[in-house]
Amino acid sequence: MNIDAVDEVLYIVTFCIGDDFNLVSVKNIENHVLQDPGIFPFLAKKEQKNRRNIISRIMNARYELWNDTKRTKIRNRVWNLRKKRGSE
């Protein structure tokens, strides 16, 4: 994964969304990118589909999905910020 993309996503999750919320969605992260494209240049210049795929890969590697993972296709990805992968 591109280190710039990882930095931008983790910055949004840590400083823009913060500990006040337990859940975060792709759309929530994407909204922060689109509101401040100068702060998030790597993600801002990507097309929507690519940007959402990048965000999903980064978040899937770090956080557990809140959605029902038994469904075959998850359209609205939401992660539980209280459940980091590897820290049971």
PDB file of N, CA and C in Angstrom:
ATOM      1  N   MET A   1       0.832  -1.188   0.000  1.00  0.00           N
ATOM      2  CA  MET A   1       0.000   0.000   0.000  1.00  0.00           C
ATOM      3  C   MET A   1       0.875   1.250   0.000  1.00  0.00           C
ATOM      4  N   ASN A   2       0.396   2.240  -0.640  1.00  0.00           N
ATOM      5  CA  ASN A   2       1.122   3.502  -0.710  1.00  0.00           C
ATOM      6  C   ASN A   2       1.147   4.170   0.655  1.00  0.00           C
ATOM      7  N   ILE A   3       2.336   4.536   1.109  1.00  0.00           N
ATOM      8  CA  ILE A   3       2.499   5.124   2.444  1.00  0.00           C
ATOM      9  C   ILE A   3       1.753   6.446   2.577  1.00  0.00           C
ATOM     10  N   ASP A   4       1.659   7.219   1.498  1.00  0.00           N
ATOM     11  CA  ASP A   4       0.915   8.481   1.537  1.00  0.00           C
ATOM     12  C   ASP A   4      -0.573   8.223   1.777  1.00  0.00           C
ATOM     13  N   ALA A   5      -1.111   7.209   1.120  1.00  0.00           N
ATOM     14  CA  ALA A   5      -2.522   6.868   1.302  1.00  0.00           C
ATOM     15  C   ALA A   5      -2.781   6.406   2.733  1.00  0.00           C
ATOM     16  N   VAL A   6      -1.902   5.564   3.252  1.00  0.00           N
ATOM     17  CA  VAL A   6      -2.045   5.078   4.630  1.00  0.00           C
ATOM     18  C   VAL A   6      -1.998   6.250   5.600  1.00  0.00           C
ATOM     19  N   ASP A   7      -1.041   7.141   5.408  1.00  0.00           N
ATOM     20  CA  ASP A   7      -0.919   8.319   6.287  1.00  0.00           C
ATOM     21  C   ASP A   7      -2.178   9.176   6.249  1.00  0.00           C
ATOM     22  N   GLU A   8      -2.713   9.395   5.068  1.00  0.00           N
ATOM     23  CA  GLU A   8      -3.892  10.247   4.939  1.00  0.00           C
ATOM     24  C   GLU A   8      -5.119   9.613   5.611  1.00  0.00           C
ATOM     25  N   VAL A   9      -5.335   8.330   5.386  1.00  0.00           N
ATOM     26  CA  VAL A   9      -6.483   7.655   5.985  1.00  0.00           C
ATOM     27  C   VAL A   9      -6.348   7.623   7.506  1.00  0.00           C
ATOM     28  N   LEU A  10      -5.174   7.266   8.000  1.00  0.00           N
ATOM     29  CA  LEU A  10      -4.991   7.196   9.456  1.00  0.00           C
ATOM     30  C   LEU A  10      -5.064   8.574  10.100  1.00  0.00           C
ATOM     31  N   TYR A  11      -4.633   9.609   9.388  1.00  0.00           N
ATOM     32  CA  TYR A  11      -4.766  10.976   9.900  1.00  0.00           C
ATOM     33  C   TYR A  11      -6.249  11.329  10.073  1.00  0.00           C
ATOM     34  N   ILE A  12      -7.048  11.004   9.057  1.00  0.00           N
ATOM     35  CA  ILE A  12      -8.482  11.286   9.131  1.00  0.00           C
ATOM     36  C   ILE A  12      -9.116  10.532  10.290  1.00  0.00           C
ATOM     37  N   VAL A  13      -8.816   9.244  10.403  1.00  0.00           N
ATOM     38  CA  VAL A  13      -9.407   8.430  11.464  1.00  0.00           C
ATOM     39  C   VAL A  13      -8.977   8.928  12.840  1.00  0.00           C
ATOM     40  N   THR A  14      -7.726   9.315  12.982  1.00  0.00           N
ATOM     41  CA  THR A  14      -7.194   9.717  14.285  1.00  0.00           C
ATOM     42  C   THR A  14      -7.570  11.135  14.665  1.00  0.00           C
ATOM     43  N   PHE A  15      -7.373  12.082  13.764  1.00  0.00           N
ATOM     44  CA  PHE A  15      -7.512  13.493  14.123  1.00  0.00           C
ATOM     45  C   PHE A  15      -8.825  14.144  13.680  1.00  0.00           C
ATOM     46  N   CYS A  16      -9.385  13.719  12.567  1.00  0.00           N
ATOM     47  CA  CYS A  16     -10.629  14.336  12.086  1.00  0.00           C
ATOM     48  C   CYS A  16     -11.856  13.665  12.701  1.00  0.00           C
ATOM     49  N   ILE A  17     -11.834  12.351  12.791  1.00  0.00           N
ATOM     50  CA  ILE A  17     -12.961  11.620  13.360  1.00  0.00           C
ATOM     51  C   ILE A  17     -12.738  11.418  14.857  1.00  0.00           C
ATOM     52  N   GLY A  18     -11.566  10.939  15.211  1.00  0.00           N
ATOM     53  CA  GLY A  18     -11.170  10.850  16.611  1.00  0.00           C
ATOM     54  C   GLY A  18     -11.871   9.780  17.420  1.00  0.00           C
ATOM     55  N   ASP A  19     -11.646   9.843  18.714  1.00  0.00           N
ATOM     56  CA  ASP A  19     -12.159   8.848  19.643  1.00  0.00           C
ATOM     57  C   ASP A  19     -13.618   9.073  20.034  1.00  0.00           C
ATOM     58  N   ASP A  20     -14.212  10.153  19.569  1.00  0.00           N
ATOM     59  CA  ASP A  20     -15.596  10.446  19.929  1.00  0.00           C
ATOM     60  C   ASP A  20     -16.583   9.482  19.280  1.00  0.00           C
ATOM     61  N   PHE A  21     -16.157   8.824  18.215  1.00  0.00           N
ATOM     62  CA  PHE A  21     -17.047   7.943  17.480  1.00  0.00           C
ATOM     63  C   PHE A  21     -16.519   6.515  17.513  1.00  0.00           C
ATOM     64  N   ASN A  22     -17.432   5.561  17.582  1.00  0.00           N
ATOM     65  CA  ASN A  22     -17.053   4.151  17.567  1.00  0.00           C
ATOM     66  C   ASN A  22     -17.001   3.586  16.157  1.00  0.00           C
ATOM     67  N   LEU A  23     -17.793   4.172  15.257  1.00  0.00           N
ATOM     68  CA  LEU A  23     -17.920   3.640  13.905  1.00  0.00           C
ATOM     69  C   LEU A  23     -17.520   4.679  12.873  1.00  0.00           C
ATOM     70  N   VAL A  24     -16.975   4.197  11.758  1.00  0.00           N
ATOM     71  CA  VAL A  24     -16.610   5.083  10.657  1.00  0.00           C
ATOM     72  C   VAL A  24     -16.871   4.351   9.346  1.00  0.00           C
ATOM     73  N   SER A  25     -17.372   5.079   8.358  1.00  0.00           N
ATOM     74  CA  SER A  25     -17.677   4.489   7.057  1.00  0.00           C
ATOM     75  C   SER A  25     -16.724   5.020   5.992  1.00  0.00           C
ATOM     76  N   VAL A  26     -16.734   4.344   4.849  1.00  0.00           N
ATOM     77  CA  VAL A  26     -15.945   4.807   3.701  1.00  0.00           C
ATOM     78  C   VAL A  26     -16.377   6.222   3.331  1.00  0.00           C
ATOM     79  N   LYS A  27     -17.671   6.451   3.296  1.00  0.00           N
ATOM     80  CA  LYS A  27     -18.208   7.755   2.900  1.00  0.00           C
ATOM     81  C   LYS A  27     -17.764   8.850   3.869  1.00  0.00           C
ATOM     82  N   ASN A  28     -17.735   8.543   5.155  1.00  0.00           N
ATOM     83  CA  ASN A  28     -17.293   9.510   6.151  1.00  0.00           C
ATOM     84  C   ASN A  28     -15.838   9.913   5.907  1.00  0.00           C
ATOM     85  N   ILE A  29     -14.986   8.938   5.671  1.00  0.00           N
ATOM     86  CA  ILE A  29     -13.571   9.217   5.393  1.00  0.00           C
ATOM     87  C   ILE A  29     -13.449   9.994   4.088  1.00  0.00           C
ATOM     88  N   GLU A  30     -14.181   9.560   3.073  1.00  0.00           N
ATOM     89  CA  GLU A  30     -14.129  10.222   1.771  1.00  0.00           C
ATOM     90  C   GLU A  30     -14.597  11.679   1.866  1.00  0.00           C
ATOM     91  N   ASN A  31     -15.602  11.943   2.667  1.00  0.00           N
ATOM     92  CA  ASN A  31     -16.080  13.317   2.836  1.00  0.00           C
ATOM     93  C   ASN A  31     -14.984  14.226   3.383  1.00  0.00           C
ATOM     94  N   HIS A  32     -14.190  13.744   4.309  1.00  0.00           N
ATOM     95  CA  HIS A  32     -13.076  14.535   4.841  1.00  0.00           C
ATOM     96  C   HIS A  32     -12.048  14.830   3.752  1.00  0.00           C
ATOM     97  N   VAL A  33     -11.789  13.848   2.907  1.00  0.00           N
ATOM     98  CA  VAL A  33     -10.839  14.034   1.796  1.00  0.00           C
ATOM     99  C   VAL A  33     -11.349  15.112   0.847  1.00  0.00           C
ATOM    100  N   LEU A  34     -12.623  15.044   0.499  1.00  0.00           N
ATOM    101  CA  LEU A  34     -13.189  15.983  -0.468  1.00  0.00           C
ATOM    102  C   LEU A  34     -13.351  17.386   0.103  1.00  0.00           C
ATOM    103  N   GLN A  35     -13.536  17.502   1.415  1.00  0.00           N
ATOM    104  CA  GLN A  35     -13.654  18.818   2.049  1.00  0.00           C
ATOM    105  C   GLN A  35     -12.317  19.546   2.094  1.00  0.00           C
ATOM    106  N   ASP A  36     -11.227  18.795   2.257  1.00  0.00           N
ATOM    107  CA  ASP A  36      -9.887  19.388   2.369  1.00  0.00           C
ATOM    108  C   ASP A  36      -8.906  18.700   1.422  1.00  0.00           C
ATOM    109  N   PRO A  37      -9.079  18.855   0.110  1.00  0.00           N
ATOM    110  CA  PRO A  37      -8.202  18.149  -0.834  1.00  0.00           C
ATOM    111  C   PRO A  37      -6.738  18.569  -0.725  1.00  0.00           C
ATOM    112  N   GLY A  38      -6.473  19.762  -0.239  1.00  0.00           N
ATOM    113  CA  GLY A  38      -5.087  20.202  -0.080  1.00  0.00           C
ATOM    114  C   GLY A  38      -4.357  19.459   1.018  1.00  0.00           C
ATOM    115  N   ILE A  39      -5.098  19.011   2.019  1.00  0.00           N
ATOM    116  CA  ILE A  39      -4.490  18.258   3.124  1.00  0.00           C
ATOM    117  C   ILE A  39      -4.300  16.798   2.727  1.00  0.00           C
ATOM    118  N   PHE A  40      -5.157  16.300   1.849  1.00  0.00           N
ATOM    119  CA  PHE A  40      -5.122  14.890   1.447  1.00  0.00           C
ATOM    120  C   PHE A  40      -4.924  14.767  -0.066  1.00  0.00           C
ATOM    121  N   PRO A  41      -3.780  15.209  -0.582  1.00  0.00           N
ATOM    122  CA  PRO A  41      -3.593  15.270  -2.042  1.00  0.00           C
ATOM    123  C   PRO A  41      -3.578  13.915  -2.733  1.00  0.00           C
ATOM    124  N   PHE A  42      -3.043  12.888  -2.076  1.00  0.00           N
ATOM    125  CA  PHE A  42      -2.969  11.581  -2.728  1.00  0.00           C
ATOM    126  C   PHE A  42      -4.369  11.030  -2.999  1.00  0.00           C
ATOM    127  N   LEU A  43      -5.212  11.020  -1.975  1.00  0.00           N
ATOM    128  CA  LEU A  43      -6.561  10.477  -2.139  1.00  0.00           C
ATOM    129  C   LEU A  43      -7.461  11.404  -2.945  1.00  0.00           C
ATOM    130  N   ALA A  44      -7.266  12.701  -2.817  1.00  0.00           N
ATOM    131  CA  ALA A  44      -8.128  13.666  -3.506  1.00  0.00           C
ATOM    132  C   ALA A  44      -8.015  13.558  -5.028  1.00  0.00           C
ATOM    133  N   LYS A  45      -6.846  13.193  -5.526  1.00  0.00           N
ATOM    134  CA  LYS A  45      -6.683  13.139  -6.984  1.00  0.00           C
ATOM    135  C   LYS A  45      -7.145  11.818  -7.601  1.00  0.00           C
ATOM    136  N   LYS A  46      -7.528  10.863  -6.763  1.00  0.00           N
ATOM    137  CA  LYS A  46      -8.004   9.568  -7.264  1.00  0.00           C
ATOM    138  C   LYS A  46      -9.478   9.658  -7.646  1.00  0.00           C
ATOM    139  N   GLU A  47      -9.889   8.811  -8.573  1.00  0.00           N
ATOM    140  CA  GLU A  47     -11.299   8.717  -8.908  1.00  0.00           C
ATOM    141  C   GLU A  47     -12.033   8.063  -7.742  1.00  0.00           C
ATOM    142  N   GLN A  48     -13.336   8.292  -7.653  1.00  0.00           N
ATOM    143  CA  GLN A  48     -14.112   7.823  -6.506  1.00  0.00           C
ATOM    144  C   GLN A  48     -13.946   6.329  -6.251  1.00  0.00           C
ATOM    145  N   LYS A  49     -14.057   5.509  -7.278  1.00  0.00           N
ATOM    146  CA  LYS A  49     -13.952   4.057  -7.101  1.00  0.00           C
ATOM    147  C   LYS A  49     -12.583   3.667  -6.554  1.00  0.00           C
ATOM    148  N   ASN A  50     -11.530   4.222  -7.130  1.00  0.00           N
ATOM    149  CA  ASN A  50     -10.179   3.923  -6.657  1.00  0.00           C
ATOM    150  C   ASN A  50      -9.959   4.418  -5.239  1.00  0.00           C
ATOM    151  N   ARG A  51     -10.438   5.623  -4.952  1.00  0.00           N
ATOM    152  CA  ARG A  51     -10.287   6.197  -3.610  1.00  0.00           C
ATOM    153  C   ARG A  51     -10.970   5.312  -2.572  1.00  0.00           C
ATOM    154  N   ARG A  52     -12.187   4.870  -2.864  1.00  0.00           N
ATOM    155  CA  ARG A  52     -12.924   4.025  -1.920  1.00  0.00           C
ATOM    156  C   ARG A  52     -12.263   2.661  -1.744  1.00  0.00           C
ATOM    157  N   ASN A  53     -11.705   2.110  -2.819  1.00  0.00           N
ATOM    158  CA  ASN A  53     -10.984   0.838  -2.705  1.00  0.00           C
ATOM    159  C   ASN A  53      -9.742   0.981  -1.830  1.00  0.00           C
ATOM    160  N   ILE A  54      -9.016   2.057  -2.005  1.00  0.00           N
ATOM    161  CA  ILE A  54      -7.817   2.306  -1.201  1.00  0.00           C
ATOM    162  C   ILE A  54      -8.195   2.453   0.270  1.00  0.00           C
ATOM    163  N   ILE A  55      -9.220   3.248   0.547  1.00  0.00           N
ATOM    164  CA  ILE A  55      -9.669   3.436   1.924  1.00  0.00           C
ATOM    165  C   ILE A  55     -10.083   2.098   2.529  1.00  0.00           C
ATOM    166  N   SER A  56     -10.828   1.296   1.789  1.00  0.00           N
ATOM    167  CA  SER A  56     -11.290  -0.002   2.292  1.00  0.00           C
ATOM    168  C   SER A  56     -10.134  -0.936   2.611  1.00  0.00           C
ATOM    169  N   ARG A  57      -9.149  -0.994   1.728  1.00  0.00           N
ATOM    170  CA  ARG A  57      -7.999  -1.878   1.986  1.00  0.00           C
ATOM    171  C   ARG A  57      -7.248  -1.472   3.242  1.00  0.00           C
ATOM    172  N   ILE A  58      -7.040  -0.184   3.410  1.00  0.00           N
ATOM    173  CA  ILE A  58      -6.310   0.309   4.586  1.00  0.00           C
ATOM    174  C   ILE A  58      -7.106   0.029   5.857  1.00  0.00           C
ATOM    175  N   MET A  59      -8.385   0.336   5.824  1.00  0.00           N
ATOM    176  CA  MET A  59      -9.215   0.134   7.016  1.00  0.00           C
ATOM    177  C   MET A  59      -9.405  -1.346   7.329  1.00  0.00           C
ATOM    178  N   ASN A  60      -9.559  -2.192   6.311  1.00  0.00           N
ATOM    179  CA  ASN A  60      -9.709  -3.635   6.543  1.00  0.00           C
ATOM    180  C   ASN A  60      -8.475  -4.230   7.209  1.00  0.00           C
ATOM    181  N   ALA A  61      -7.318  -3.683   6.886  1.00  0.00           N
ATOM    182  CA  ALA A  61      -6.080  -4.185   7.476  1.00  0.00           C
ATOM    183  C   ALA A  61      -5.946  -3.811   8.948  1.00  0.00           C
ATOM    184  N   ARG A  62      -6.652  -2.772   9.385  1.00  0.00           N
ATOM    185  CA  ARG A  62      -6.460  -2.259  10.745  1.00  0.00           C
ATOM    186  C   ARG A  62      -7.642  -2.429  11.687  1.00  0.00           C
ATOM    187  N   TYR A  63      -8.851  -2.475  11.142  1.00  0.00           N
ATOM    188  CA  TYR A  63     -10.052  -2.503  11.983  1.00  0.00           C
ATOM    189  C   TYR A  63     -11.008  -3.604  11.556  1.00  0.00           C
ATOM    190  N   GLU A  64     -11.786  -4.091  12.514  1.00  0.00           N
ATOM    191  CA  GLU A  64     -12.823  -5.086  12.246  1.00  0.00           C
ATOM    192  C   GLU A  64     -14.034  -4.402  11.617  1.00  0.00           C
ATOM    193  N   LEU A  65     -14.665  -5.097  10.693  1.00  0.00           N
ATOM    194  CA  LEU A  65     -15.896  -4.585  10.102  1.00  0.00           C
ATOM    195  C   LEU A  65     -17.027  -4.657  11.119  1.00  0.00           C
ATOM    196  N   TRP A  66     -17.852  -3.641  11.146  1.00  0.00           N
ATOM    197  CA  TRP A  66     -19.017  -3.620  12.006  1.00  0.00           C
ATOM    198  C   TRP A  66     -20.185  -4.302  11.310  1.00  0.00           C
ATOM    199  N   ASN A  67     -20.228  -4.228   9.978  1.00  0.00           N
ATOM    200  CA  ASN A  67     -21.313  -4.811   9.183  1.00  0.00           C
ATOM    201  C   ASN A  67     -21.366  -6.312   9.361  1.00  0.00           C
ATOM    202  N   ASP A  68     -22.487  -6.883   8.985  1.00  0.00           N
ATOM    203  CA  ASP A  68     -22.650  -8.331   8.968  1.00  0.00           C
ATOM    204  C   ASP A  68     -21.778  -8.889   7.845  1.00  0.00           C
ATOM    205  N   THR A  69     -20.735  -9.608   8.199  1.00  0.00           N
ATOM    206  CA  THR A  69     -19.785 -10.107   7.199  1.00  0.00           C
ATOM    207  C   THR A  69     -20.251 -11.407   6.545  1.00  0.00           C
ATOM    208  N   LYS A  70     -21.412 -11.912   6.916  1.00  0.00           N
ATOM    209  CA  LYS A  70     -21.927 -13.143   6.311  1.00  0.00           C
ATOM    210  C   LYS A  70     -22.550 -12.885   4.946  1.00  0.00           C
ATOM    211  N   ARG A  71     -22.906 -11.620   4.685  1.00  0.00           N
ATOM    212  CA  ARG A  71     -23.454 -11.272   3.377  1.00  0.00           C
ATOM    213  C   ARG A  71     -22.368 -11.399   2.322  1.00  0.00           C
ATOM    214  N   THR A  72     -22.758 -11.765   1.122  1.00  0.00           N
ATOM    215  CA  THR A  72     -21.771 -11.961   0.062  1.00  0.00           C
ATOM    216  C   THR A  72     -21.188 -10.640  -0.423  1.00  0.00           C
ATOM    217  N   LYS A  73     -22.001  -9.607  -0.488  1.00  0.00           N
ATOM    218  CA  LYS A  73     -21.533  -8.320  -0.993  1.00  0.00           C
ATOM    219  C   LYS A  73     -21.854  -7.242   0.035  1.00  0.00           C
ATOM    220  N   ILE A  74     -20.829  -6.606   0.549  1.00  0.00           N
ATOM    221  CA  ILE A  74     -21.035  -5.535   1.510  1.00  0.00           C
ATOM    222  C   ILE A  74     -20.881  -4.223   0.766  1.00  0.00           C
ATOM    223  N   ARG A  75     -21.957  -3.487   0.614  1.00  0.00           N
ATOM    224  CA  ARG A  75     -21.915  -2.241  -0.131  1.00  0.00           C
ATOM    225  C   ARG A  75     -21.504  -1.063   0.744  1.00  0.00           C
ATOM    226  N   ASN A  76     -21.944  -1.059   1.974  1.00  0.00           N
ATOM    227  CA  ASN A  76     -21.625   0.044   2.879  1.00  0.00           C
ATOM    228  C   ASN A  76     -20.682  -0.458   3.963  1.00  0.00           C
ATOM    229  N   ARG A  77     -19.408  -0.235   3.764  1.00  0.00           N
ATOM    230  CA  ARG A  77     -18.436  -0.698   4.737  1.00  0.00           C
ATOM    231  C   ARG A  77     -18.377   0.266   5.909  1.00  0.00           C
ATOM    232  N   VAL A  78     -18.504  -0.316   7.093  1.00  0.00           N
ATOM    233  CA  VAL A  78     -18.422   0.449   8.328  1.00  0.00           C
ATOM    234  C   VAL A  78     -17.489  -0.307   9.261  1.00  0.00           C
ATOM    235  N   TRP A  79     -16.522   0.408   9.823  1.00  0.00           N
ATOM    236  CA  TRP A  79     -15.554  -0.218  10.710  1.00  0.00           C
ATOM    237  C   TRP A  79     -15.768   0.228  12.143  1.00  0.00           C
ATOM    238  N   ASN A  80     -15.498  -0.700  13.052  1.00  0.00           N
ATOM    239  CA  ASN A  80     -15.585  -0.425  14.475  1.00  0.00           C
ATOM    240  C   ASN A  80     -14.206   0.040  14.938  1.00  0.00           C
ATOM    241  N   LEU A  81     -14.074   1.304  15.305  1.00  0.00           N
ATOM    242  CA  LEU A  81     -12.780   1.863  15.705  1.00  0.00           C
ATOM    243  C   LEU A  81     -12.318   1.339  17.051  1.00  0.00           C
ATOM    244  N   ARG A  82     -13.205   0.693  17.790  1.00  0.00           N
ATOM    245  CA  ARG A  82     -12.826   0.122  19.096  1.00  0.00           C
ATOM    246  C   ARG A  82     -12.219  -1.276  18.953  1.00  0.00           C
ATOM    247  N   LYS A  83     -12.315  -1.851  17.755  1.00  0.00           N
ATOM    248  CA  LYS A  83     -11.790  -3.214  17.532  1.00  0.00           C
ATOM    249  C   LYS A  83     -10.705  -3.208  16.473  1.00  0.00           C
ATOM    250  N   LYS A  84      -9.474  -3.018  16.913  1.00  0.00           N
ATOM    251  CA  LYS A  84      -8.338  -3.074  15.992  1.00  0.00           C
ATOM    252  C   LYS A  84      -7.976  -4.520  15.733  1.00  0.00           C
ATOM    253  N   ARG A  85      -7.580  -4.813  14.522  1.00  0.00           N
ATOM    254  CA  ARG A  85      -7.160  -6.170  14.170  1.00  0.00           C
ATOM    255  C   ARG A  85      -5.903  -6.536  14.954  1.00  0.00           C
ATOM    256  N   GLY A  86      -5.886  -7.759  15.476  1.00  0.00           N
ATOM    257  CA  GLY A  86      -4.714  -8.230  16.188  1.00  0.00           C
ATOM    258  C   GLY A  86      -4.639  -7.781  17.626  1.00  0.00           C
ATOM    259  N   SER A  87      -5.629  -7.059  18.125  1.00  0.00           N
ATOM    260  CA  SER A  87      -5.607  -6.634  19.528  1.00  0.00           C
ATOM    261  C   SER A  87      -6.896  -7.050  20.227  1.00  0.00           C
ATOM    262  N   GLU A  88      -7.090  -8.326  20.323  1.00  0.00           N
ATOM    263  CA  GLU A  88      -8.326  -8.891  20.918  1.00  0.00           C
ATOM    264  C   GLU A  88      -8.440  -8.470  22.340  1.00  0.00           C
TER     265      GLU A  88
END
